[in-house]
C-alpha atoms as a PDB file:
ATOM      1  CA  MET A   1      -0.145   0.092  -0.033  1.00  0.00           C
ATOM      2  CA  ARG A   2       1.161   3.253  -0.967  1.00  0.00           C
ATOM      3  CA  THR A   3      -0.447   6.718  -0.543  1.00  0.00           C
ATOM      4  CA  ARG A   4      -0.785   9.955  -3.516  1.00  0.00           C
ATOM      5  CA  LEU A   5      -2.052  13.178  -3.981  1.00  0.00           C
ATOM      6  CA  ALA A   6      -5.573  12.377  -4.955  1.00  0.00           C
ATOM      7  CA  THR A   7      -6.885  13.613  -8.218  1.00  0.00           C
ATOM      8  CA  MET A   8     -10.130  14.180  -9.474  1.00  0.00           C
ATOM      9  CA  ALA A   9     -10.565  10.481 -10.627  1.00  0.00           C
ATOM     10  CA  ASP A  10     -10.840   9.616  -7.056  1.00  0.00           C
ATOM     11  CA  ALA A  11     -13.570  12.029  -5.695  1.00  0.00           C
ATOM     12  CA  ASP A  12     -16.371   9.060  -6.543  1.00  0.00           C
ATOM     13  CA  ALA A  13     -14.248   6.869  -4.632  1.00  0.00           C
ATOM     14  CA  ILE A  14     -13.732   9.299  -1.822  1.00  0.00           C
ATOM     15  CA  ALA A  15     -16.987  10.624  -1.563  1.00  0.00           C
ATOM     16  CA  GLU A  16     -18.461   6.744  -1.301  1.00  0.00           C
ATOM     17  CA  ILE A  17     -16.116   6.345   1.786  1.00  0.00           C
ATOM     18  CA  TYR A  18     -17.249   9.826   3.108  1.00  0.00           C
ATOM     19  CA  ASN A  19     -21.043   9.364   2.630  1.00  0.00           C
ATOM     20  CA  ARG A  20     -21.379   6.018   4.176  1.00  0.00           C
ATOM     21  CA  GLU A  21     -19.881   7.646   7.070  1.00  0.00           C
ATOM     22  CA  VAL A  22     -22.687  10.735   6.778  1.00  0.00           C
ATOM     23  CA  THR A  23     -25.633   8.271   6.544  1.00  0.00           C
ATOM     24  CA  GLU A  24     -24.595   5.819   8.924  1.00  0.00           C
ATOM     25  CA  GLY A  25     -21.573   7.085  11.042  1.00  0.00           C
ATOM     26  CA  THR A  26     -20.120   9.631  13.839  1.00  0.00           C
ATOM     27  CA  ALA A  27     -17.210  10.442  12.184  1.00  0.00           C
ATOM     28  CA  THR A  28     -18.973  13.580  10.251  1.00  0.00           C
ATOM     29  CA  PHE A  29     -21.236  15.796  11.311  1.00  0.00           C
ATOM     30  CA  ASP A  30     -22.691  16.167   7.958  1.00  0.00           C
ATOM     31  CA  MET A  31     -26.229  15.090   7.818  1.00  0.00           C
ATOM     32  CA  VAL A  32     -26.780  14.899   3.483  1.00  0.00           C
ATOM     33  CA  PRO A  33     -24.295  12.856   1.354  1.00  0.00           C
ATOM     34  CA  ARG A  34     -22.285  15.345  -0.766  1.00  0.00           C
ATOM     35  CA  SER A  35     -23.475  15.218  -4.579  1.00  0.00           C
ATOM     36  CA  SER A  36     -20.991  15.103  -7.188  1.00  0.00           C
ATOM     37  CA  THR A  37     -21.160  18.445  -8.149  1.00  0.00           C
ATOM     38  CA  GLU A  38     -20.305  19.314  -4.431  1.00  0.00           C
ATOM     39  CA  GLN A  39     -17.254  16.365  -4.455  1.00  0.00           C
ATOM     40  CA  ALA A  40     -15.707  18.302  -7.151  1.00  0.00           C
ATOM     41  CA  ALA A  41     -16.137  21.315  -5.514  1.00  0.00           C
ATOM     42  CA  TRP A  42     -14.338  19.903  -2.315  1.00  0.00           C
ATOM     43  CA  MET A  43     -11.324  18.167  -4.240  1.00  0.00           C
ATOM     44  CA  ARG A  44     -10.992  21.395  -6.037  1.00  0.00           C
ATOM     45  CA  ALA A  45     -10.636  23.030  -2.486  1.00  0.00           C
ATOM     46  CA  HIS A  46      -8.180  19.906  -1.269  1.00  0.00           C
ATOM     47  CA  SER A  47      -5.240  20.775  -3.937  1.00  0.00           C
ATOM     48  CA  GLY A  48      -2.176  22.798  -2.997  1.00  0.00           C
ATOM     49  CA  ALA A  49      -1.771  24.002   0.650  1.00  0.00           C
ATOM     50  CA  TYR A  50      -4.562  22.036   1.710  1.00  0.00           C
ATOM     51  CA  PRO A  51      -3.262  18.470  -0.079  1.00  0.00           C
ATOM     52  CA  CYS A  52      -5.998  15.575   0.236  1.00  0.00           C
ATOM     53  CA  LEU A  53      -4.043  12.075   0.218  1.00  0.00           C
ATOM     54  CA  VAL A  54      -5.474   8.169  -0.935  1.00  0.00           C
ATOM     55  CA  ALA A  55      -3.972   5.296  -0.140  1.00  0.00           C
ATOM     56  CA  VAL A  56      -4.366   2.834  -2.981  1.00  0.00           C
ATOM     57  CA  PRO A  57      -2.580  -0.865  -3.039  1.00  0.00           C
ATOM     58  CA  ASP A  58       0.848  -0.915  -4.466  1.00  0.00           C
ATOM     59  CA  THR A  59       1.174  -2.147  -8.118  1.00  0.00           C
ATOM     60  CA  ASP A  60       2.227  -6.268  -6.934  1.00  0.00           C
ATOM     61  CA  ASP A  61      -0.736  -6.195  -4.463  1.00  0.00           C
ATOM     62  CA  ALA A  62      -3.583  -7.932  -5.734  1.00  0.00           C
ATOM     63  CA  GLU A  63      -6.287  -5.395  -5.760  1.00  0.00           C
ATOM     64  CA  PRO A  64      -6.339  -2.945  -8.660  1.00  0.00           C
ATOM     65  CA  SER A  65      -4.102  -0.026  -8.175  1.00  0.00           C
ATOM     66  CA  ASP A  66      -6.526   2.535  -8.357  1.00  0.00           C
ATOM     67  CA  THR A  67      -8.640   1.043  -5.646  1.00  0.00           C
ATOM     68  CA  VAL A  68      -8.829   4.141  -3.025  1.00  0.00           C
ATOM     69  CA  GLN A  69      -8.471   2.023   0.353  1.00  0.00           C
ATOM     70  CA  GLY A  70      -8.870   5.553   2.373  1.00  0.00           C
ATOM     71  CA  TRP A  71      -8.111   9.301   2.119  1.00  0.00           C
ATOM     72  CA  ALA A  72      -6.763  11.867   4.067  1.00  0.00           C
ATOM     73  CA  CYS A  73      -6.739  15.678   3.937  1.00  0.00           C
ATOM     74  CA  LEU A  74      -5.746  19.033   5.553  1.00  0.00           C
ATOM     75  CA  SER A  75      -8.593  21.820   6.204  1.00  0.00           C
ATOM     76  CA  PRO A  76      -8.154  25.544   7.512  1.00  0.00           C
ATOM     77  CA  TYR A  77      -8.525  25.525  10.747  1.00  0.00           C
ATOM     78  CA  ARG A  78     -10.065  28.829  10.810  1.00  0.00           C
ATOM     79  CA  THR A  79     -10.325  31.532   8.596  1.00  0.00           C
ATOM     80  CA  ARG A  80      -9.346  34.342  10.348  1.00  0.00           C
ATOM     81  CA  PRO A  81      -5.550  35.168   9.408  1.00  0.00           C
ATOM     82  CA  ALA A  82      -3.799  34.555  12.735  1.00  0.00           C
ATOM     83  CA  TYR A  83      -4.893  30.897  12.621  1.00  0.00           C
ATOM     84  CA  SER A  84      -3.438  30.605   8.733  1.00  0.00           C
ATOM     85  CA  THR A  85      -0.166  28.379  10.333  1.00  0.00           C
ATOM     86  CA  SER A  86      -3.329  25.951  11.792  1.00  0.00           C
ATOM     87  CA  VAL A  87      -5.226  23.097  10.226  1.00  0.00           C
ATOM     88  CA  GLU A  88      -7.445  20.365  10.973  1.00  0.00           C
ATOM     89  CA  ASP A  89      -6.641  17.133   9.510  1.00  0.00           C
ATOM     90  CA  SER A  90      -9.455  14.409   8.519  1.00  0.00           C
ATOM     91  CA  VAL A  91      -8.724  10.726   8.298  1.00  0.00           C
ATOM     92  CA  TYR A  92     -11.382   8.060   6.611  1.00  0.00           C
ATOM     93  CA  VAL A  93     -10.610   4.657   5.728  1.00  0.00           C
ATOM     94  CA  HIS A  94     -12.957   2.428   3.682  1.00  0.00           C
ATOM     95  CA  ARG A  95     -14.648   0.281   6.219  1.00  0.00           C
ATOM     96  CA  ASP A  96     -13.174  -3.326   4.173  1.00  0.00           C
ATOM     97  CA  HIS A  97     -10.012  -2.182   5.661  1.00  0.00           C
ATOM     98  CA  HIS A  98     -10.021  -1.135   8.780  1.00  0.00           C
ATOM     99  CA  GLY A  99      -6.979  -2.696  10.995  1.00  0.00           C
ATOM    100  CA  ARG A 100      -4.737  -2.827   8.124  1.00  0.00           C
ATOM    101  CA  GLY A 101      -2.578   0.133   8.591  1.00  0.00           C
ATOM    102  CA  VAL A 102      -4.391   2.501   6.463  1.00  0.00           C
ATOM    103  CA  GLY A 103      -5.027   5.075   8.301  1.00  0.00           C
ATOM    104  CA  SER A 104      -1.776   5.169  10.200  1.00  0.00           C
ATOM    105  CA  LEU A 105       0.173   5.308   6.388  1.00  0.00           C
ATOM    106  CA  LEU A 106      -2.371   7.961   5.737  1.00  0.00           C
ATOM    107  CA  LEU A 107      -1.887  10.068   8.854  1.00  0.00           C
ATOM    108  CA  GLY A 108       2.046   9.968   8.625  1.00  0.00           C
ATOM    109  CA  ASP A 109       2.442  10.766   5.177  1.00  0.00           C
ATOM    110  CA  LEU A 110      -0.205  14.047   6.212  1.00  0.00           C
ATOM    111  CA  MET A 111       1.765  14.990   9.017  1.00  0.00           C
ATOM    112  CA  ALA A 112       4.724  15.246   7.120  1.00  0.00           C
ATOM    113  CA  LEU A 113       2.973  17.604   4.382  1.00  0.00           C
ATOM    114  CA  ALA A 114       1.855  19.565   7.012  1.00  0.00           C
ATOM    115  CA  ASP A 115       5.570  19.712   8.241  1.00  0.00           C
ATOM    116  CA  ASP A 116       6.744  20.551   4.611  1.00  0.00           C
ATOM    117  CA  HIS A 117       3.711  23.504   4.093  1.00  0.00           C
ATOM    118  CA  GLY A 118       4.837  24.829   7.372  1.00  0.00           C
ATOM    119  CA  PHE A 119       1.789  24.197   9.566  1.00  0.00           C
ATOM    120  CA  HIS A 120       3.032  24.813  12.851  1.00  0.00           C
ATOM    121  CA  ALA A 121      -0.517  23.174  14.551  1.00  0.00           C
ATOM    122  CA  VAL A 122      -2.062  20.648  13.340  1.00  0.00           C
ATOM    123  CA  PHE A 123      -5.699  19.509  15.104  1.00  0.00           C
ATOM    124  CA  ALA A 124      -7.994  16.306  15.152  1.00  0.00           C
ATOM    125  CA  ARG A 125     -11.741  16.552  16.403  1.00  0.00           C
ATOM    126  CA  ILE A 126     -12.970  13.015  17.028  1.00  0.00           C
ATOM    127  CA  ALA A 127     -17.017  12.828  17.631  1.00  0.00           C
ATOM    128  CA  ASP A 128     -18.181   9.994  19.501  1.00  0.00           C
ATOM    129  CA  ALA A 129     -15.033   8.684  21.947  1.00  0.00           C
ATOM    130  CA  GLY A 130     -13.663   7.343  18.651  1.00  0.00           C
ATOM    131  CA  THR A 131     -10.980   5.179  20.754  1.00  0.00           C
ATOM    132  CA  ALA A 132      -9.024   3.989  17.678  1.00  0.00           C
ATOM    133  CA  SER A 133      -9.203   7.509  16.304  1.00  0.00           C
ATOM    134  CA  VAL A 134      -7.787   8.898  19.314  1.00  0.00           C
ATOM    135  CA  ALA A 135      -4.800   6.148  19.350  1.00  0.00           C
ATOM    136  CA  LEU A 136      -3.963   6.628  15.781  1.00  0.00           C
ATOM    137  CA  HIS A 137      -3.400  10.519  16.219  1.00  0.00           C
ATOM    138  CA  ALA A 138      -1.720   9.574  19.816  1.00  0.00           C
ATOM    139  CA  LYS A 139       0.515   7.331  17.903  1.00  0.00           C
ATOM    140  CA  HIS A 140       1.458  10.414  15.332  1.00  0.00           C
ATOM    141  CA  GLY A 141       2.238  12.810  18.326  1.00  0.00           C
ATOM    142  CA  PHE A 142      -1.243  13.991  18.795  1.00  0.00           C
ATOM    143  CA  GLU A 143      -2.080  15.112  22.424  1.00  0.00           C
ATOM    144  CA  PRO A 144      -5.447  15.537  24.019  1.00  0.00           C
ATOM    145  CA  VAL A 145      -6.536  19.110  24.892  1.00  0.00           C
ATOM    146  CA  GLY A 146     -10.098  19.115  25.727  1.00  0.00           C
ATOM    147  CA  VAL A 147     -13.533  17.917  25.021  1.00  0.00           C
ATOM    148  CA  GLU A 148     -16.491  19.736  23.817  1.00  0.00           C
ATOM    149  CA  ARG A 149     -19.338  18.223  25.001  1.00  0.00           C
ATOM    150  CA  GLU A 150     -22.905  17.516  23.622  1.00  0.00           C
ATOM    151  CA  VAL A 151     -22.045  19.833  20.519  1.00  0.00           C
ATOM    152  CA  GLY A 152     -23.269  17.563  17.771  1.00  0.00           C
ATOM    153  CA  ARG A 153     -26.340  15.896  17.518  1.00  0.00           C
ATOM    154  CA  LYS A 154     -26.812  12.570  14.876  1.00  0.00           C
ATOM    155  CA  PHE A 155     -29.036   9.872  15.018  1.00  0.00           C
ATOM    156  CA  GLY A 156     -31.343  10.873  18.008  1.00  0.00           C
ATOM    157  CA  ARG A 157     -28.203  11.285  20.521  1.00  0.00           C
ATOM    158  CA  TRP A 158     -25.934  13.925  21.934  1.00  0.00           C
ATOM    159  CA  LEU A 159     -21.915  13.814  20.524  1.00  0.00           C
ATOM    160  CA  ASP A 160     -19.077  14.711  22.518  1.00  0.00           C
ATOM    161  CA  VAL A 161     -16.082  15.871  20.419  1.00  0.00           C
ATOM    162  CA  THR A 162     -12.591  15.172  21.413  1.00  0.00           C
ATOM    163  CA  LEU A 163     -10.313  17.744  20.094  1.00  0.00           C
ATOM    164  CA  MET A 164      -6.152  16.588  19.825  1.00  0.00           C
ATOM    165  CA  GLN A 165      -3.548  18.802  19.040  1.00  0.00           C
ATOM    166  CA  ARG A 166      -0.260  17.996  17.275  1.00  0.00           C
ATOM    167  CA  LEU A 167       2.422  20.691  17.229  1.00  0.00           C
ATOM    168  CA  ARG A 168       5.266  20.753  14.171  1.00  0.00           C
ATOM    169  CA  PRO A 169       8.678  19.366  15.283  1.00  0.00           C
ATOM    170  CA  ASP A 170      11.744  21.585  15.983  1.00  0.00           C
END
Protein backbone atom coordinates (compact mmCIF):
# COMPACT_ATOMS: atom_id res chain seq x y z
CA MET A 1 0.00 0.00 0.00
CA ARG A 2 1.13 3.53 -0.73
CA THR A 3 -0.24 7.06 -0.63
CA ARG A 4 -0.41 9.65 -3.37
CA LEU A 5 -2.06 13.01 -3.90
CA ALA A 6 -5.72 12.65 -4.78
CA THR A 7 -6.89 13.55 -8.26
CA MET A 8 -10.31 14.32 -9.66
CA ALA A 9 -10.45 10.68 -10.78
CA ASP A 10 -10.61 9.74 -7.06
CA ALA A 11 -13.62 11.96 -6.32
CA ASP A 12 -16.25 9.22 -6.50
CA ALA A 13 -14.27 6.81 -4.31
CA ILE A 14 -13.60 9.53 -1.72
CA ALA A 15 -17.28 10.50 -1.73
CA GLU A 16 -18.33 6.86 -1.33
CA ILE A 17 -16.19 6.44 1.79
CA TYR A 18 -17.29 9.79 3.21
CA ASN A 19 -20.99 9.46 2.38
CA ARG A 20 -21.20 6.11 4.12
CA GLU A 21 -19.97 7.82 7.28
CA VAL A 22 -22.51 10.61 6.71
CA THR A 23 -25.41 8.17 6.56
CA GLU A 24 -24.24 5.44 8.95
CA GLY A 25 -21.57 6.85 11.28
CA THR A 26 -20.62 9.67 13.58
CA ALA A 27 -17.12 10.54 12.36
CA THR A 28 -18.67 13.51 10.55
CA PHE A 29 -21.48 15.78 11.62
CA ASP A 30 -22.65 16.16 8.03
CA MET A 31 -26.19 14.83 7.65
CA VAL A 32 -26.65 14.86 3.87
CA PRO A 33 -24.37 12.92 1.48
CA ARG A 34 -22.24 14.96 -0.91
CA SER A 35 -23.43 15.22 -4.49
CA SER A 36 -21.01 14.81 -7.39
CA THR A 37 -20.97 18.59 -7.86
CA GLU A 38 -20.23 19.21 -4.17
CA GLN A 39 -17.52 16.54 -4.20
CA ALA A 40 -15.84 18.14 -7.22
CA ALA A 41 -15.82 21.52 -5.44
CA TRP A 42 -14.41 19.84 -2.33
CA MET A 43 -11.65 18.24 -4.42
CA ARG A 44 -10.68 21.63 -5.89
CA ALA A 45 -10.48 23.10 -2.37
CA HIS A 46 -8.19 20.27 -1.23
CA SER A 47 -5.17 20.84 -3.38
CA GLY A 48 -2.17 23.10 -2.98
CA ALA A 49 -1.64 24.02 0.67
CA TYR A 50 -4.56 21.85 1.81
CA PRO A 51 -3.84 18.51 0.12
CA CYS A 52 -5.85 15.34 0.05
CA LEU A 53 -4.05 12.00 -0.01
CA VAL A 54 -5.44 8.62 -0.95
CA ALA A 55 -4.18 5.20 0.06
CA VAL A 56 -4.04 2.75 -2.83
CA PRO A 57 -2.53 -0.71 -3.28
CA ASP A 58 1.00 -1.02 -4.58
CA THR A 59 1.11 -2.21 -8.17
CA ASP A 60 2.13 -5.70 -7.04
CA ASP A 61 -0.88 -6.07 -4.69
CA ALA A 62 -3.85 -8.25 -5.62
CA GLU A 63 -6.25 -5.27 -5.84
CA PRO A 64 -6.22 -2.84 -8.76
CA SER A 65 -3.80 0.04 -8.14
CA ASP A 66 -6.59 2.63 -8.38
CA THR A 67 -8.70 1.14 -5.55
CA VAL A 68 -8.95 3.87 -2.90
CA GLN A 69 -8.67 2.23 0.53
CA GLY A 70 -8.87 5.49 2.45
CA TRP A 71 -8.16 9.19 2.28
CA ALA A 72 -6.87 12.01 4.45
CA CYS A 73 -6.75 15.76 4.06
CA LEU A 74 -5.80 19.05 5.64
CA SER A 75 -8.33 21.85 5.94
CA PRO A 76 -8.08 25.39 7.30
CA TYR A 77 -8.62 25.38 11.05
CA ARG A 78 -10.31 28.79 11.13
CA THR A 79 -10.76 31.56 8.55
CA ARG A 80 -9.25 34.47 10.48
CA PRO A 81 -5.72 35.33 9.29
CA ALA A 82 -3.93 34.68 12.60
CA TYR A 83 -4.95 31.01 12.31
CA SER A 84 -3.25 30.56 8.93
CA THR A 85 -0.49 28.33 10.34
CA SER A 86 -3.02 25.93 11.92
CA VAL A 87 -4.93 23.20 10.10
CA GLU A 88 -7.39 20.43 10.88
CA ASP A 89 -6.91 16.89 9.64
CA SER A 90 -9.44 14.34 8.45
CA VAL A 91 -8.76 10.63 8.00
CA TYR A 92 -11.32 8.19 6.59
CA VAL A 93 -10.68 4.52 5.85
CA HIS A 94 -13.01 2.32 3.80
CA ARG A 95 -14.69 -0.09 6.22
CA ASP A 96 -13.34 -3.08 4.29
CA HIS A 97 -9.80 -1.94 5.12
CA HIS A 98 -10.07 -1.10 8.84
CA GLY A 99 -7.30 -2.54 11.01
CA ARG A 100 -4.79 -2.89 8.16
CA GLY A 101 -2.62 0.17 8.82
CA VAL A 102 -4.29 2.35 6.17
CA GLY A 103 -5.12 5.15 8.62
CA SER A 104 -1.62 5.18 10.08
CA LEU A 105 0.01 5.33 6.67
CA LEU A 106 -2.29 8.18 5.60
CA LEU A 107 -1.85 10.19 8.81
CA GLY A 108 1.93 9.76 8.83
CA ASP A 109 2.25 10.97 5.24
CA LEU A 110 -0.25 13.77 5.87
CA MET A 111 1.80 15.02 8.86
CA ALA A 112 4.91 15.05 6.66
CA LEU A 113 3.02 17.23 4.18
CA ALA A 114 1.78 19.49 6.97
CA ASP A 115 5.38 19.96 8.11
CA ASP A 116 6.60 20.55 4.55
CA HIS A 117 3.90 23.19 4.06
CA GLY A 118 5.01 24.98 7.23
CA PHE A 119 1.90 24.41 9.35
CA HIS A 120 2.68 24.84 13.03
CA ALA A 121 -0.38 23.23 14.64
CA VAL A 122 -2.57 20.39 13.40
CA PHE A 123 -5.87 19.70 15.13
CA ALA A 124 -7.98 16.56 15.12
CA ARG A 125 -11.65 16.71 16.09
CA ILE A 126 -12.77 13.19 16.97
CA ALA A 127 -16.47 12.60 17.50
CA ASP A 128 -18.22 10.12 19.73
CA ALA A 129 -15.12 9.04 21.69
CA GLY A 130 -13.61 7.40 18.61
CA THR A 131 -11.17 5.21 20.52
CA ALA A 132 -9.37 3.97 17.40
CA SER A 133 -9.01 7.54 16.07
CA VAL A 134 -7.71 8.80 19.41
CA ALA A 135 -5.12 5.99 19.48
CA LEU A 136 -4.16 6.63 15.85
CA HIS A 137 -3.60 10.32 16.48
CA ALA A 138 -1.68 9.69 19.72
CA LYS A 139 0.63 7.33 17.77
CA HIS A 140 1.44 10.27 15.47
CA GLY A 141 2.27 12.77 18.21
CA PHE A 142 -1.14 14.28 18.92
CA GLU A 143 -2.10 15.09 22.49
CA PRO A 144 -5.59 15.60 23.90
CA VAL A 145 -6.37 19.25 24.60
CA GLY A 146 -10.04 19.04 25.53
CA VAL A 147 -13.51 17.64 25.06
CA GLU A 148 -16.40 19.62 23.69
CA ARG A 149 -19.45 18.16 25.42
CA GLU A 150 -22.68 17.49 23.51
CA VAL A 151 -21.82 19.79 20.59
CA GLY A 152 -23.45 17.62 17.93
CA ARG A 153 -26.64 15.66 17.61
CA LYS A 154 -26.92 12.76 15.21
CA PHE A 155 -29.06 9.61 15.15
CA GLY A 156 -31.10 10.97 18.06
CA ARG A 157 -28.25 11.35 20.52
CA TRP A 158 -25.82 13.99 21.72
CA LEU A 159 -22.20 13.61 20.66
CA ASP A 160 -19.01 14.84 22.30
CA VAL A 161 -15.93 15.83 20.31
CA THR A 162 -12.41 15.11 21.56
CA LEU A 163 -9.91 17.74 20.42
CA MET A 164 -6.31 16.65 19.90
CA GLN A 165 -3.35 18.73 18.75
CA ARG A 166 0.08 18.12 17.28
CA LEU A 167 2.67 20.89 17.15
CA ARG A 168 5.27 20.85 14.40
CA PRO A 169 8.47 19.24 15.63
CA ASP A 170 11.43 21.61 15.83
